[in-house]
Amino acid sequence: MTSCLLPFRKISWRLLQRTLIIFLSVASVCQGCTAKEEPQCWTEKNQYYIEALSKRLTKNGILHSVHAKGGKPSQHEAGVCYAPRFEADVKKATQEVDNYFREVVGVLRDSCEERAFVEWGAKEKILIEVVDTESSDGKFAGRMFFIYSITPEDVALNRQKLLDSAPRNVRCEKK
């Protein structure tokens, strides 16, 4: 009887601990990979929003995958896919991202100011977007300038850059 246990006595506790840690690590990585669950996907036209959502999900410990525009889950939008059991966690993460992701800077007065802000954003490595806006009656109301922050920490950095180095009083010359 003791001869059957002999091989197990030679295994060190350290080796046993390492094996257990590796097993548990693999098991935790695969927790979102069960064959029974068809992944759900959150799609968004804005690739930067997907990047922000992915970072938030990673920080919150939610397993997910990111798909670029033109790939899965949609041929037109970028997306984050996750196991259905994480749906409430993903909703919570999107609400968190919504609190800091998009900040309105203002309505641009003309194309010269728009060009100056776009060049400034590229130089400062700030994610920006300029979009058309409409008045309540549906008419064109100007171009609005947004700054995107991927993390809550980026918000403070972007605001400081806006205060310190954003273009001021840039306008096209009137002819």
C-alpha atoms as a PDB file:
ATOM      1  CA  MET A   1       0.000   0.000   0.000  1.00  0.00           C
ATOM      2  CA  THR A   2       2.767   2.417   0.831  1.00  0.00           C
ATOM      3  CA  SER A   3       4.479   1.694  -2.487  1.00  0.00           C
ATOM      4  CA  CYS A   4       1.509   3.275  -4.332  1.00  0.00           C
ATOM      5  CA  LEU A   5       1.987   6.534  -2.449  1.00  0.00           C
ATOM      6  CA  LEU A   6       5.725   6.722  -2.981  1.00  0.00           C
ATOM      7  CA  PRO A   7       5.624   8.666  -6.281  1.00  0.00           C
ATOM      8  CA  PHE A   8       3.404  11.318  -4.686  1.00  0.00           C
ATOM      9  CA  ARG A   9       5.738  11.805  -1.748  1.00  0.00           C
ATOM     10  CA  LYS A  10       8.464  12.956  -4.139  1.00  0.00           C
ATOM     11  CA  ILE A  11       6.381  15.890  -5.428  1.00  0.00           C
ATOM     12  CA  SER A  12       7.373  19.032  -3.614  1.00  0.00           C
ATOM     13  CA  TRP A  13       4.754  21.342  -2.145  1.00  0.00           C
ATOM     14  CA  ARG A  14       6.185  24.191  -4.198  1.00  0.00           C
ATOM     15  CA  LEU A  15       5.599  22.275  -7.439  1.00  0.00           C
ATOM     16  CA  LEU A  16       2.089  21.397  -6.299  1.00  0.00           C
ATOM     17  CA  GLN A  17       1.379  25.066  -5.502  1.00  0.00           C
ATOM     18  CA  ARG A  18       2.687  26.212  -8.884  1.00  0.00           C
ATOM     19  CA  THR A  19       0.591  23.606 -10.682  1.00  0.00           C
ATOM     20  CA  LEU A  20      -2.489  24.714  -8.776  1.00  0.00           C
ATOM     21  CA  ILE A  21      -1.800  28.403  -9.562  1.00  0.00           C
ATOM     22  CA  ILE A  22      -1.416  27.628 -13.271  1.00  0.00           C
ATOM     23  CA  PHE A  23      -4.625  25.575 -13.247  1.00  0.00           C
ATOM     24  CA  LEU A  24      -6.573  28.331 -11.491  1.00  0.00           C
ATOM     25  CA  SER A  25      -5.155  30.983 -13.857  1.00  0.00           C
ATOM     26  CA  VAL A  26      -6.230  29.016 -16.923  1.00  0.00           C
ATOM     27  CA  ALA A  27      -9.638  28.396 -15.369  1.00  0.00           C
ATOM     28  CA  SER A  28     -10.145  32.094 -14.620  1.00  0.00           C
ATOM     29  CA  VAL A  29      -9.101  33.131 -18.134  1.00  0.00           C
ATOM     30  CA  CYS A  30     -11.641  30.699 -19.571  1.00  0.00           C
ATOM     31  CA  GLN A  31     -14.512  31.773 -17.325  1.00  0.00           C
ATOM     32  CA  GLY A  32     -16.005  33.785 -20.186  1.00  0.00           C
ATOM     33  CA  CYS A  33     -15.366  31.086 -22.776  1.00  0.00           C
ATOM     34  CA  THR A  34     -18.018  28.467 -22.083  1.00  0.00           C
ATOM     35  CA  ALA A  35     -19.384  26.747 -25.153  1.00  0.00           C
ATOM     36  CA  LYS A  36     -22.998  27.193 -24.017  1.00  0.00           C
ATOM     37  CA  GLU A  37     -22.929  30.993 -24.102  1.00  0.00           C
ATOM     38  CA  GLU A  38     -23.153  32.832 -27.403  1.00  0.00           C
ATOM     39  CA  PRO A  39     -21.265  36.126 -26.985  1.00  0.00           C
ATOM     40  CA  GLN A  40     -23.180  39.380 -26.934  1.00  0.00           C
ATOM     41  CA  CYS A  41     -21.694  42.473 -28.497  1.00  0.00           C
ATOM     42  CA  TRP A  42     -21.953  46.178 -27.746  1.00  0.00           C
ATOM     43  CA  THR A  43     -21.442  48.119 -30.962  1.00  0.00           C
ATOM     44  CA  GLU A  44     -20.599  51.769 -31.418  1.00  0.00           C
ATOM     45  CA  LYS A  45     -19.712  53.915 -34.412  1.00  0.00           C
ATOM     46  CA  ASN A  46     -16.976  55.673 -32.447  1.00  0.00           C
ATOM     47  CA  GLN A  47     -13.825  53.510 -32.244  1.00  0.00           C
ATOM     48  CA  TYR A  48     -12.467  55.689 -29.422  1.00  0.00           C
ATOM     49  CA  TYR A  49     -15.537  54.905 -27.311  1.00  0.00           C
ATOM     50  CA  ILE A  50     -14.877  51.191 -27.816  1.00  0.00           C
ATOM     51  CA  GLU A  51     -11.282  51.730 -26.680  1.00  0.00           C
ATOM     52  CA  ALA A  52     -12.494  53.555 -23.556  1.00  0.00           C
ATOM     53  CA  LEU A  53     -15.090  50.863 -22.830  1.00  0.00           C
ATOM     54  CA  SER A  54     -12.503  48.105 -23.267  1.00  0.00           C
ATOM     55  CA  LYS A  55     -10.130  49.810 -20.825  1.00  0.00           C
ATOM     56  CA  ARG A  56     -12.956  50.214 -18.286  1.00  0.00           C
ATOM     57  CA  LEU A  57     -13.993  46.548 -18.673  1.00  0.00           C
ATOM     58  CA  THR A  58     -10.384  45.441 -18.222  1.00  0.00           C
ATOM     59  CA  LYS A  59     -10.065  47.606 -15.114  1.00  0.00           C
ATOM     60  CA  ASN A  60     -13.317  46.091 -13.775  1.00  0.00           C
ATOM     61  CA  GLY A  61     -12.040  42.542 -14.487  1.00  0.00           C
ATOM     62  CA  ILE A  62     -14.636  41.715 -17.170  1.00  0.00           C
ATOM     63  CA  LEU A  63     -13.488  39.344 -19.913  1.00  0.00           C
ATOM     64  CA  HIS A  64     -14.238  40.672 -23.390  1.00  0.00           C
ATOM     65  CA  SER A  65     -12.892  40.960 -26.910  1.00  0.00           C
ATOM     66  CA  VAL A  66     -12.668  44.022 -29.144  1.00  0.00           C
ATOM     67  CA  HIS A  67     -13.538  44.040 -32.825  1.00  0.00           C
ATOM     68  CA  ALA A  68     -12.481  46.838 -35.139  1.00  0.00           C
ATOM     69  CA  LYS A  69     -14.734  48.672 -37.559  1.00  0.00           C
ATOM     70  CA  GLY A  70     -15.631  46.523 -40.535  1.00  0.00           C
ATOM     71  CA  GLY A  71     -15.032  43.244 -38.661  1.00  0.00           C
ATOM     72  CA  LYS A  72     -17.094  41.247 -36.216  1.00  0.00           C
ATOM     73  CA  PRO A  73     -19.646  41.900 -34.693  1.00  0.00           C
ATOM     74  CA  SER A  74     -20.837  44.316 -37.377  1.00  0.00           C
ATOM     75  CA  GLN A  75     -19.503  45.194 -40.772  1.00  0.00           C
ATOM     76  CA  HIS A  76     -20.040  48.883 -40.034  1.00  0.00           C
ATOM     77  CA  GLU A  77     -19.337  49.460 -36.357  1.00  0.00           C
ATOM     78  CA  ALA A  78     -16.643  48.608 -33.859  1.00  0.00           C
ATOM     79  CA  GLY A  79     -17.656  46.515 -30.884  1.00  0.00           C
ATOM     80  CA  VAL A  80     -16.915  44.820 -27.601  1.00  0.00           C
ATOM     81  CA  CYS A  81     -18.097  41.225 -27.179  1.00  0.00           C
ATOM     82  CA  TYR A  82     -18.633  39.464 -23.850  1.00  0.00           C
ATOM     83  CA  ALA A  83     -20.389  36.500 -22.263  1.00  0.00           C
ATOM     84  CA  PRO A  84     -24.099  37.148 -21.570  1.00  0.00           C
ATOM     85  CA  ARG A  85     -23.616  36.784 -17.819  1.00  0.00           C
ATOM     86  CA  PHE A  86     -21.535  39.986 -17.890  1.00  0.00           C
ATOM     87  CA  GLU A  87     -24.329  42.094 -19.425  1.00  0.00           C
ATOM     88  CA  ALA A  88     -25.054  44.024 -16.201  1.00  0.00           C
ATOM     89  CA  ASP A  89     -21.318  44.666 -15.723  1.00  0.00           C
ATOM     90  CA  VAL A  90     -20.999  45.951 -19.290  1.00  0.00           C
ATOM     91  CA  LYS A  91     -24.010  48.262 -18.799  1.00  0.00           C
ATOM     92  CA  LYS A  92     -22.431  49.621 -15.640  1.00  0.00           C
ATOM     93  CA  ALA A  93     -19.112  50.135 -17.454  1.00  0.00           C
ATOM     94  CA  THR A  94     -20.821  52.032 -20.304  1.00  0.00           C
ATOM     95  CA  GLN A  95     -22.478  54.320 -17.754  1.00  0.00           C
ATOM     96  CA  GLU A  96     -19.085  54.960 -16.160  1.00  0.00           C
ATOM     97  CA  VAL A  97     -17.502  55.721 -19.545  1.00  0.00           C
ATOM     98  CA  ASP A  98     -20.413  58.012 -20.469  1.00  0.00           C
ATOM     99  CA  ASN A  99     -19.560  60.155 -17.426  1.00  0.00           C
ATOM    100  CA  TYR A 100     -16.158  61.182 -18.765  1.00  0.00           C
ATOM    101  CA  PHE A 101     -15.681  60.120 -22.387  1.00  0.00           C
ATOM    102  CA  ARG A 102     -17.058  63.029 -24.396  1.00  0.00           C
ATOM    103  CA  GLU A 103     -16.588  66.649 -23.413  1.00  0.00           C
ATOM    104  CA  VAL A 104     -18.031  69.487 -25.446  1.00  0.00           C
ATOM    105  CA  VAL A 105     -15.535  72.275 -25.989  1.00  0.00           C
ATOM    106  CA  GLY A 106     -17.825  74.547 -27.953  1.00  0.00           C
ATOM    107  CA  VAL A 107     -19.188  75.639 -31.284  1.00  0.00           C
ATOM    108  CA  LEU A 108     -16.513  76.727 -33.729  1.00  0.00           C
ATOM    109  CA  ARG A 109     -17.005  80.111 -35.332  1.00  0.00           C
ATOM    110  CA  ASP A 110     -15.449  79.411 -38.731  1.00  0.00           C
ATOM    111  CA  SER A 111     -13.243  77.070 -40.758  1.00  0.00           C
ATOM    112  CA  CYS A 112     -10.033  78.801 -39.632  1.00  0.00           C
ATOM    113  CA  GLU A 113     -10.829  78.184 -35.960  1.00  0.00           C
ATOM    114  CA  GLU A 114     -11.775  74.590 -36.795  1.00  0.00           C
ATOM    115  CA  ARG A 115      -8.487  74.029 -38.623  1.00  0.00           C
ATOM    116  CA  ALA A 116      -6.544  75.531 -35.699  1.00  0.00           C
ATOM    117  CA  PHE A 117      -8.258  73.234 -33.167  1.00  0.00           C
ATOM    118  CA  VAL A 118      -7.785  70.129 -35.332  1.00  0.00           C
ATOM    119  CA  GLU A 119      -4.071  70.906 -35.764  1.00  0.00           C
ATOM    120  CA  TRP A 120      -3.724  71.638 -32.047  1.00  0.00           C
ATOM    121  CA  GLY A 121      -5.427  68.342 -31.132  1.00  0.00           C
ATOM    122  CA  ALA A 122      -3.105  66.374 -33.420  1.00  0.00           C
ATOM    123  CA  LYS A 123      -0.029  68.129 -32.017  1.00  0.00           C
ATOM    124  CA  GLU A 124      -1.125  67.542 -28.397  1.00  0.00           C
ATOM    125  CA  LYS A 125      -2.219  63.937 -29.169  1.00  0.00           C
ATOM    126  CA  ILE A 126      -5.750  64.646 -27.994  1.00  0.00           C
ATOM    127  CA  LEU A 127      -8.606  62.669 -29.492  1.00  0.00           C
ATOM    128  CA  ILE A 128     -11.024  65.160 -31.016  1.00  0.00           C
ATOM    129  CA  GLU A 129     -14.057  65.232 -33.242  1.00  0.00           C
ATOM    130  CA  VAL A 130     -15.776  68.066 -35.041  1.00  0.00           C
ATOM    131  CA  VAL A 131     -19.416  67.447 -35.996  1.00  0.00           C
ATOM    132  CA  ASP A 132     -22.230  69.382 -37.650  1.00  0.00           C
ATOM    133  CA  THR A 133     -24.972  70.565 -35.314  1.00  0.00           C
ATOM    134  CA  GLU A 134     -28.587  71.426 -36.028  1.00  0.00           C
ATOM    135  CA  SER A 135     -30.909  73.965 -34.485  1.00  0.00           C
ATOM    136  CA  SER A 136     -34.280  72.866 -33.112  1.00  0.00           C
ATOM    137  CA  ASP A 137     -35.852  73.522 -36.522  1.00  0.00           C
ATOM    138  CA  GLY A 138     -33.359  71.174 -38.219  1.00  0.00           C
ATOM    139  CA  LYS A 139     -31.178  73.841 -39.859  1.00  0.00           C
ATOM    140  CA  PHE A 140     -27.386  73.806 -39.791  1.00  0.00           C
ATOM    141  CA  ALA A 141     -26.218  75.548 -36.598  1.00  0.00           C
ATOM    142  CA  GLY A 142     -22.444  75.275 -36.883  1.00  0.00           C
ATOM    143  CA  ARG A 143     -19.655  72.840 -36.128  1.00  0.00           C
ATOM    144  CA  MET A 144     -19.186  71.546 -32.577  1.00  0.00           C
ATOM    145  CA  PHE A 145     -15.812  70.519 -31.180  1.00  0.00           C
ATOM    146  CA  PHE A 146     -15.514  67.509 -28.808  1.00  0.00           C
ATOM    147  CA  ILE A 147     -12.581  66.116 -26.830  1.00  0.00           C
ATOM    148  CA  TYR A 148     -12.566  62.392 -26.046  1.00  0.00           C
ATOM    149  CA  SER A 149     -10.974  61.020 -22.877  1.00  0.00           C
ATOM    150  CA  ILE A 150     -10.237  57.289 -22.835  1.00  0.00           C
ATOM    151  CA  THR A 151      -9.808  57.167 -19.034  1.00  0.00           C
ATOM    152  CA  PRO A 152     -11.008  59.398 -16.182  1.00  0.00           C
ATOM    153  CA  GLU A 153      -7.373  60.433 -15.678  1.00  0.00           C
ATOM    154  CA  ASP A 154      -7.274  61.710 -19.274  1.00  0.00           C
ATOM    155  CA  VAL A 155     -10.063  64.192 -18.499  1.00  0.00           C
ATOM    156  CA  ALA A 156      -7.882  66.292 -16.197  1.00  0.00           C
ATOM    157  CA  LEU A 157      -4.915  66.108 -18.579  1.00  0.00           C
ATOM    158  CA  ASN A 158      -7.028  67.133 -21.575  1.00  0.00           C
ATOM    159  CA  ARG A 159      -8.636  70.008 -19.675  1.00  0.00           C
ATOM    160  CA  GLN A 160      -5.217  71.264 -18.613  1.00  0.00           C
ATOM    161  CA  LYS A 161      -3.944  71.113 -22.198  1.00  0.00           C
ATOM    162  CA  LEU A 162      -7.078  72.962 -23.303  1.00  0.00           C
ATOM    163  CA  LEU A 163      -6.405  75.733 -20.778  1.00  0.00           C
ATOM    164  CA  ASP A 164      -2.668  75.922 -21.411  1.00  0.00           C
ATOM    165  CA  SER A 165      -2.242  75.617 -25.152  1.00  0.00           C
ATOM    166  CA  ALA A 166      -5.518  75.610 -27.098  1.00  0.00           C
ATOM    167  CA  PRO A 167      -5.828  78.150 -29.917  1.00  0.00           C
ATOM    168  CA  ARG A 168      -7.350  81.470 -28.885  1.00  0.00           C
ATOM    169  CA  ASN A 169      -9.093  84.097 -30.983  1.00  0.00           C
ATOM    170  CA  VAL A 170      -8.444  82.394 -34.318  1.00  0.00           C
ATOM    171  CA  ARG A 171     -10.728  83.619 -37.070  1.00  0.00           C
ATOM    172  CA  CYS A 172     -10.707  83.782 -40.830  1.00  0.00           C
ATOM    173  CA  GLU A 173     -10.058  87.209 -42.261  1.00  0.00           C
ATOM    174  CA  LYS A 174     -13.148  88.913 -43.564  1.00  0.00           C
ATOM    175  CA  LYS A 175     -12.824  90.054 -47.141  1.00  0.00           C
END
